[in-house]
Amino acid sequence: MNPLVSIIVTCFNQASYLERSVKSVLSQTFTDLECMIVDDGSTDNTQEVAKQLMSLDSRISYFYKENGGVSSSRNFGFQQAQGEWIQFLDGDDWIHEDKIRFQLSYVSESNKKNTAFYTDYERVFIDKEDKIIDRLENIVGSLTGEQLIQRLLIPDFLAESPFPLLQQCLLMHRSIFEKKIFDERLKALQDRDFCLDLLLARVNFIYTPMIGAYYTKHQFNRTNNWSYMKNYYIMFYETVCGKHQEFIPLSQTGIDFFLKEAIREKEENNFARLIKMVKPPFYLFGKKIKISHIHLIKIIYNIRLIIPSFLLYEKYRGPRSKKVISILAKSINRQLPENNNYISSQ
């Protein structure tokens, strides 16, 4: 008889964390489940740890695949899963012992299919010695579909609320995978793309109020690599805006941020990608200058390539350069026709 729930633990070189993750599955108060370890081409001793864990409980299975990223691991795991309900868990995170039972208590005949349950979570900070040095509760709360969409389109570092649909917090009916699987091109931020498409497909996201998952922050997180994450944020916006033109305005907070960084850091490739998605007005210099035409943004980027940073960015600027910027903005405003004022001082 197939288990009711499949918990898919995806891992890549996370052997030192894997036991804690898997044991949080084995200790669930709800026991009709399978725990599937999907090893995404690890080069550490993940396989040895997995075999030791398999000897503890017959509900554990182990699968090895060539490295392809977390999205491919989740898709692979789902293809092997037997359960009616699906839970994904990264190999360095863990879940509350009562998570599955509590979320399943919200199941009714009306929401048995086409449903995903989500919880609050705790951010756990771990030092180099694998010791917990801090913990931070993230209370998501019950959000509407529109609120979830708006938040998913804002980078976490620009948002005033926690990321709402962390994969570790979800328990999903397998029927929703008929609507969407993970985009394997996205090695990061795939949760956002996945949940956005599910929301548009009218999947019912139901809040179950508990701290359901423990999401770790440690030295090996790929999110520590800013260049890596920046590339995938831009790719995420390219993916979303390419599929859903209506999301372009809602994506501008993130797009504007990365476009400003591309100008500041002279990132030619990133600038070329982002300029295709920006929707003016676009602001520079702490909203002192408003640009209402994409052509002028391109001109400003070319100017940036030859002008020293202190003339353009306040943190590099002394009193004299601040005065030059003020005079330049006023001069541009006087020269442009009033009815075609692409740049204005704010």
Protein backbone atom coordinates (compact mmCIF):
# COMPACT_ATOMS: atom_id res chain seq x y z
CA MET A 1 0.00 0.00 0.00
CA ASN A 2 1.39 3.40 -0.98
CA PRO A 3 2.19 5.90 1.80
CA LEU A 4 -0.06 8.94 2.11
CA VAL A 5 2.86 11.40 2.21
CA SER A 6 6.19 11.50 0.36
CA ILE A 7 8.89 13.69 1.89
CA ILE A 8 11.65 14.29 -0.64
CA VAL A 9 14.99 15.35 0.88
CA THR A 10 17.20 16.85 -1.81
CA CYS A 11 20.90 17.26 -1.09
CA PHE A 12 24.19 18.22 -2.67
CA ASN A 13 27.35 17.91 -0.55
CA GLN A 14 25.36 18.33 2.67
CA ALA A 15 26.42 15.12 4.42
CA SER A 16 27.15 16.92 7.67
CA TYR A 17 23.56 18.20 7.87
CA LEU A 18 21.68 15.28 6.33
CA GLU A 19 21.15 13.19 9.47
CA ARG A 20 19.37 16.02 11.28
CA SER A 21 17.17 16.63 8.27
CA VAL A 22 16.17 12.99 7.78
CA LYS A 23 15.63 12.36 11.48
CA SER A 24 13.15 15.24 11.56
CA VAL A 25 11.20 13.24 8.98
CA LEU A 26 11.46 9.97 10.90
CA SER A 27 10.26 11.66 14.10
CA GLN A 28 7.01 12.92 12.55
CA THR A 29 3.93 12.24 14.66
CA PHE A 30 2.26 11.29 11.36
CA THR A 31 3.89 8.02 10.36
CA ASP A 32 2.28 6.95 7.06
CA LEU A 33 5.06 8.44 4.96
CA GLU A 34 8.15 7.71 2.91
CA CYS A 35 11.42 9.61 3.14
CA MET A 36 13.24 9.83 -0.17
CA ILE A 37 16.83 11.09 -0.22
CA VAL A 38 17.74 12.47 -3.66
CA ASP A 39 21.49 12.95 -3.98
CA ASP A 40 22.23 15.50 -6.70
CA GLY A 41 25.70 14.25 -7.59
CA SER A 42 27.38 14.86 -4.23
CA THR A 43 31.15 14.40 -3.99
CA ASP A 44 31.28 14.17 -0.19
CA ASN A 45 30.17 11.20 1.94
CA THR A 46 26.44 11.78 1.41
CA GLN A 47 25.93 8.23 0.12
CA GLU A 48 27.52 6.67 3.22
CA VAL A 49 25.38 8.81 5.53
CA ALA A 50 22.26 7.91 3.54
CA LYS A 51 23.00 4.17 3.79
CA GLN A 52 23.46 4.45 7.55
CA LEU A 53 20.12 6.23 7.82
CA MET A 54 18.41 3.61 5.65
CA SER A 55 19.42 0.98 8.20
CA LEU A 56 17.40 2.83 10.83
CA ASP A 57 14.04 2.85 9.09
CA SER A 58 12.53 1.00 6.14
CA ARG A 59 10.65 4.13 5.09
CA ILE A 60 13.89 5.67 3.81
CA SER A 61 15.06 5.25 0.22
CA TYR A 62 18.09 6.70 -1.54
CA PHE A 63 18.47 7.87 -5.15
CA TYR A 64 21.63 9.15 -6.82
CA LYS A 65 21.52 11.34 -9.94
CA GLU A 66 24.00 13.45 -11.88
CA ASN A 67 24.26 17.01 -10.67
CA GLY A 68 21.57 19.20 -12.18
CA GLY A 69 20.49 21.56 -9.43
CA VAL A 70 17.73 21.55 -6.84
CA SER A 71 14.93 21.97 -9.41
CA SER A 72 15.96 18.83 -11.29
CA SER A 73 16.32 16.96 -7.96
CA ARG A 74 12.80 17.89 -6.92
CA ASN A 75 11.35 16.93 -10.29
CA PHE A 76 13.24 13.64 -10.15
CA GLY A 77 12.04 12.97 -6.61
CA PHE A 78 8.44 13.65 -7.49
CA GLN A 79 8.63 11.18 -10.37
CA GLN A 80 9.65 8.46 -7.90
CA ALA A 81 7.25 9.49 -5.13
CA GLN A 82 4.31 7.28 -4.21
CA GLY A 83 2.45 9.57 -1.82
CA GLU A 84 -0.75 11.52 -2.40
CA TRP A 85 0.82 14.49 -0.62
CA ILE A 86 4.30 15.85 -1.38
CA GLN A 87 6.77 17.67 0.87
CA PHE A 88 10.19 18.89 -0.29
CA LEU A 89 13.00 19.43 2.19
CA ASP A 90 16.55 20.64 1.56
CA GLY A 91 19.24 18.45 3.09
CA ASP A 92 20.48 21.14 5.47
CA ASP A 93 17.03 22.08 6.85
CA TRP A 94 14.53 20.27 9.04
CA ILE A 95 10.82 20.29 9.90
CA HIS A 96 8.79 20.37 13.11
CA GLU A 97 7.87 16.90 14.35
CA ASP A 98 4.15 17.68 14.14
CA LYS A 99 4.18 19.51 10.80
CA ILE A 100 2.66 16.83 8.57
CA ARG A 101 -0.06 15.81 11.03
CA PHE A 102 -1.01 19.43 11.69
CA GLN A 103 -1.22 20.37 8.02
CA LEU A 104 -3.20 17.25 7.12
CA SER A 105 -5.71 18.18 9.82
CA TYR A 106 -6.74 21.05 7.53
CA VAL A 107 -7.65 18.70 4.68
CA SER A 108 -11.33 18.47 3.79
CA GLU A 109 -13.27 17.03 0.89
CA SER A 110 -13.46 20.50 -0.65
CA ASN A 111 -9.69 21.12 -0.61
CA LYS A 112 -8.32 17.61 -0.97
CA LYS A 113 -6.97 18.28 -4.46
CA ASN A 114 -5.42 21.34 -6.10
CA THR A 115 -4.22 22.49 -2.68
CA ALA A 116 -0.94 23.51 -1.05
CA PHE A 117 -0.65 24.19 2.68
CA TYR A 118 2.00 26.59 3.99
CA THR A 119 3.34 27.47 7.43
CA ASP A 120 5.50 29.96 9.25
CA TYR A 121 9.17 29.09 9.75
CA GLU A 122 12.28 29.84 11.73
CA ARG A 123 15.53 31.09 10.25
CA VAL A 124 18.41 29.31 11.98
CA PHE A 125 21.93 30.76 11.81
CA ILE A 126 24.77 28.25 12.08
CA ASP A 127 28.48 29.02 12.53
CA LYS A 128 31.52 27.24 11.09
CA GLU A 129 31.48 24.72 13.96
CA ASP A 130 27.87 23.79 13.11
CA LYS A 131 26.60 25.50 16.26
CA ILE A 132 23.36 27.47 16.28
CA ILE A 133 24.21 31.08 17.05
CA ASP A 134 20.87 32.76 16.40
CA ARG A 135 17.24 32.02 15.53
CA LEU A 136 14.63 34.27 13.97
CA GLU A 137 10.93 33.49 13.71
CA ASN A 138 9.29 34.40 10.39
CA ILE A 139 5.53 34.70 10.78
CA VAL A 140 3.94 34.70 7.34
CA GLY A 141 0.28 34.76 8.25
CA SER A 142 -2.71 34.16 6.02
CA LEU A 143 -2.34 35.99 2.71
CA THR A 144 -4.58 36.33 -0.33
CA GLY A 145 -3.45 35.11 -3.72
CA GLU A 146 -2.84 38.69 -4.82
CA GLN A 147 -0.73 39.41 -1.74
CA LEU A 148 1.31 36.26 -2.31
CA ILE A 149 1.99 37.21 -5.93
CA GLN A 150 3.07 40.74 -5.01
CA ARG A 151 5.47 39.47 -2.33
CA LEU A 152 6.98 36.76 -4.52
CA LEU A 153 8.02 39.44 -7.02
CA ILE A 154 9.99 41.46 -4.45
CA PRO A 155 13.54 40.42 -3.48
CA ASP A 156 13.72 39.45 0.19
CA PHE A 157 16.31 42.13 0.97
CA LEU A 158 13.91 44.83 -0.27
CA ALA A 159 10.80 43.44 1.43
CA GLU A 160 9.32 44.25 4.83
CA SER A 161 7.84 40.78 5.30
CA PRO A 162 9.25 37.23 5.23
CA PHE A 163 9.29 35.13 2.11
CA PRO A 164 5.81 33.55 2.26
CA LEU A 165 6.01 30.22 0.41
CA LEU A 166 9.24 28.58 1.45
CA GLN A 167 9.32 25.13 -0.12
CA GLN A 168 10.21 23.50 3.21
CA CYS A 169 6.95 24.88 4.62
CA LEU A 170 4.68 23.51 1.91
CA LEU A 171 2.65 20.32 1.83
CA MET A 172 1.19 19.89 -1.65
CA HIS A 173 -1.32 17.55 -3.19
CA ARG A 174 0.33 15.68 -6.05
CA SER A 175 -2.38 16.83 -8.48
CA ILE A 176 -0.84 20.30 -8.66
CA PHE A 177 2.19 18.88 -10.47
CA GLU A 178 -0.07 18.36 -13.45
CA LYS A 179 -0.07 22.17 -13.70
CA LYS A 180 3.58 22.94 -12.99
CA ILE A 181 6.98 21.38 -12.30
CA PHE A 182 10.16 23.17 -11.28
CA ASP A 183 12.01 25.13 -13.97
CA GLU A 184 15.36 23.34 -14.19
CA ARG A 185 17.06 26.37 -15.73
CA LEU A 186 16.66 28.14 -12.39
CA LYS A 187 19.31 26.93 -9.95
CA ALA A 188 18.05 29.48 -7.44
CA LEU A 189 14.74 31.32 -6.87
CA GLN A 190 12.87 28.41 -8.44
CA ASP A 191 10.39 28.50 -5.54
CA ARG A 192 9.16 31.91 -6.68
CA ASP A 193 8.60 30.89 -10.29
CA PHE A 194 6.99 27.60 -9.22
CA CYS A 195 4.51 29.20 -6.81
CA LEU A 196 3.68 32.11 -9.12
CA ASP A 197 2.56 29.76 -11.86
CA LEU A 198 0.57 27.69 -9.37
CA LEU A 199 -1.19 30.80 -8.09
CA LEU A 200 -2.10 31.76 -11.64
CA ALA A 201 -3.34 28.21 -12.19
CA ARG A 202 -5.76 28.72 -9.28
CA VAL A 203 -4.05 26.37 -6.87
CA ASN A 204 -5.50 26.94 -3.41
CA PHE A 205 -2.78 28.02 -0.92
CA ILE A 206 -4.00 27.55 2.66
CA TYR A 207 -2.17 28.93 5.70
CA THR A 208 -1.64 26.50 8.59
CA PRO A 209 -0.43 28.54 11.61
CA MET A 210 2.65 26.92 13.13
CA ILE A 211 6.44 27.11 12.93
CA GLY A 212 6.64 24.21 10.52
CA ALA A 213 10.19 24.39 9.16
CA TYR A 214 13.69 25.40 10.21
CA TYR A 215 15.58 27.08 7.40
CA THR A 216 19.33 27.28 7.92
CA LYS A 217 21.83 29.99 7.09
CA HIS A 218 25.46 28.82 7.09
CA GLN A 219 28.78 29.36 5.31
CA PHE A 220 28.01 26.89 2.52
CA ASN A 221 24.72 28.46 1.39
CA ARG A 222 24.88 29.47 -2.26
CA THR A 223 22.81 32.50 -1.33
CA ASN A 224 26.01 33.89 0.23
CA ASN A 225 27.39 34.42 -3.29
CA TRP A 226 25.99 37.79 -4.41
CA SER A 227 27.05 37.48 -8.07
CA TYR A 228 25.44 34.05 -8.25
CA MET A 229 22.17 35.26 -6.71
CA LYS A 230 22.10 38.44 -8.78
CA ASN A 231 22.31 36.46 -12.01
CA TYR A 232 19.40 34.27 -10.95
CA TYR A 233 17.31 37.21 -9.79
CA ILE A 234 17.67 38.69 -13.26
CA MET A 235 16.92 35.31 -14.84
CA PHE A 236 13.86 34.99 -12.59
CA TYR A 237 12.52 38.35 -13.79
CA GLU A 238 13.28 37.42 -17.39
CA THR A 239 11.36 34.17 -16.93
CA VAL A 240 8.37 35.78 -15.21
CA CYS A 241 8.09 38.82 -17.48
CA GLY A 242 8.48 36.62 -20.55
CA LYS A 243 5.51 34.49 -19.50
CA HIS A 244 3.36 37.08 -17.76
CA GLN A 245 3.44 40.59 -19.22
CA GLU A 246 0.99 41.69 -16.54
CA PHE A 247 3.67 41.10 -13.89
CA ILE A 248 6.14 43.60 -15.39
CA PRO A 249 4.82 46.56 -13.30
CA LEU A 250 4.82 44.44 -10.11
CA SER A 251 8.42 43.40 -10.81
CA GLN A 252 9.80 46.92 -11.05
CA THR A 253 11.01 47.14 -7.44
CA GLY A 254 13.51 44.37 -8.08
CA ILE A 255 14.28 45.28 -11.68
CA ASP A 256 14.99 48.91 -10.74
CA PHE A 257 17.32 47.83 -7.94
CA PHE A 258 19.39 45.55 -10.15
CA LEU A 259 19.44 48.05 -13.01
CA LYS A 260 20.84 50.72 -10.70
CA GLU A 261 23.48 48.26 -9.54
CA ALA A 262 24.34 47.38 -13.15
CA ILE A 263 24.86 51.09 -13.87
CA ARG A 264 26.88 51.66 -10.70
CA GLU A 265 29.08 48.60 -11.22
CA LYS A 266 29.33 48.98 -15.02
CA GLU A 267 27.85 45.53 -15.64
CA GLU A 268 27.30 45.58 -19.37
CA ASN A 269 25.61 42.19 -19.71
CA ASN A 270 23.26 42.73 -16.76
CA PHE A 271 22.37 46.20 -17.99
CA ALA A 272 21.48 44.84 -21.44
CA ARG A 273 19.22 42.21 -19.86
CA LEU A 274 17.48 44.55 -17.43
CA ILE A 275 16.89 47.49 -19.76
CA LYS A 276 14.52 45.26 -21.74
CA MET A 277 12.27 44.89 -18.69
CA VAL A 278 12.41 48.29 -17.00
CA LYS A 279 9.23 50.34 -17.08
CA PRO A 280 9.89 54.10 -16.61
CA PRO A 281 9.85 56.31 -14.68
CA PHE A 282 13.27 55.31 -13.42
CA TYR A 283 14.93 57.23 -10.59
CA LEU A 284 18.59 57.94 -9.84
CA PHE A 285 20.55 59.75 -7.15
CA GLY A 286 18.08 59.11 -4.34
CA LYS A 287 15.09 60.08 -6.53
CA LYS A 288 16.66 63.46 -7.30
CA ILE A 289 16.50 62.69 -11.01
CA LYS A 290 13.50 61.09 -12.69
CA ILE A 291 14.01 59.50 -16.12
CA SER A 292 10.91 58.91 -18.21
CA HIS A 293 12.46 57.43 -21.33
CA ILE A 294 14.49 54.23 -21.82
CA HIS A 295 16.72 55.93 -24.41
CA LEU A 296 17.98 58.34 -21.75
CA ILE A 297 18.70 55.49 -19.34
CA LYS A 298 21.00 54.05 -22.00
CA ILE A 299 22.71 57.42 -22.43
CA ILE A 300 23.25 57.67 -18.68
CA TYR A 301 24.81 54.20 -18.65
CA ASN A 302 27.26 55.20 -21.38
CA ILE A 303 28.11 58.34 -19.45
CA ARG A 304 28.67 56.22 -16.35
CA LEU A 305 31.37 54.30 -18.19
CA ILE A 306 33.57 57.39 -18.41
CA ILE A 307 32.64 59.38 -15.28
CA PRO A 308 34.28 58.64 -11.90
CA SER A 309 32.01 57.08 -9.27
CA PHE A 310 32.15 60.04 -6.88
CA LEU A 311 30.39 62.22 -9.45
CA LEU A 312 27.43 59.85 -9.66
CA TYR A 313 27.02 58.20 -6.28
CA GLU A 314 26.50 59.95 -2.99
CA LYS A 315 28.62 57.64 -0.88
CA TYR A 316 31.65 58.69 -2.97
CA ARG A 317 30.65 62.34 -3.04
CA GLY A 318 32.05 65.34 -1.19
CA PRO A 319 30.45 68.82 -0.92
CA ARG A 320 31.86 70.01 -4.26
CA SER A 321 30.58 67.04 -6.29
CA LYS A 322 27.13 67.36 -4.68
CA LYS A 323 26.96 70.91 -5.98
CA VAL A 324 27.93 69.78 -9.49
CA ILE A 325 25.09 67.23 -9.54
CA SER A 326 22.55 69.83 -8.48
CA ILE A 327 23.66 72.27 -11.19
CA LEU A 328 23.62 69.48 -13.84
CA ALA A 329 20.05 68.42 -12.99
CA LYS A 330 18.78 72.00 -13.14
CA SER A 331 20.57 72.59 -16.43
CA ILE A 332 19.05 69.52 -18.08
CA ASN A 333 15.57 70.50 -16.92
CA ARG A 334 15.90 73.99 -18.42
CA GLN A 335 17.05 72.64 -21.78
CA LEU A 336 14.31 70.04 -22.29
CA PRO A 337 10.91 71.21 -23.63
CA GLU A 338 8.30 71.38 -20.90
CA ASN A 339 5.91 69.00 -22.68
CA ASN A 340 8.67 66.44 -23.34
CA ASN A 341 10.45 66.52 -20.00
CA TYR A 342 12.10 63.10 -19.83
CA ILE A 343 14.29 64.03 -16.86
CA SER A 344 13.16 66.06 -13.91
CA SER A 345 14.69 66.94 -10.58
CA GLN A 346 12.73 65.65 -7.65
